[in-house]
Amino acid sequence: MMAVSGLILFVLALFTYLSFRN
């Protein structure tokens, strides 16, 4: 399930990046 955890972390990082970019 490490792949799932990595995917979740990637999505959270991307969401944070998009939030701070605005």
Foldseek 3Di string as FASTA:
>chain_A
DVVVVVVVVVVVVVVVVVVVVD
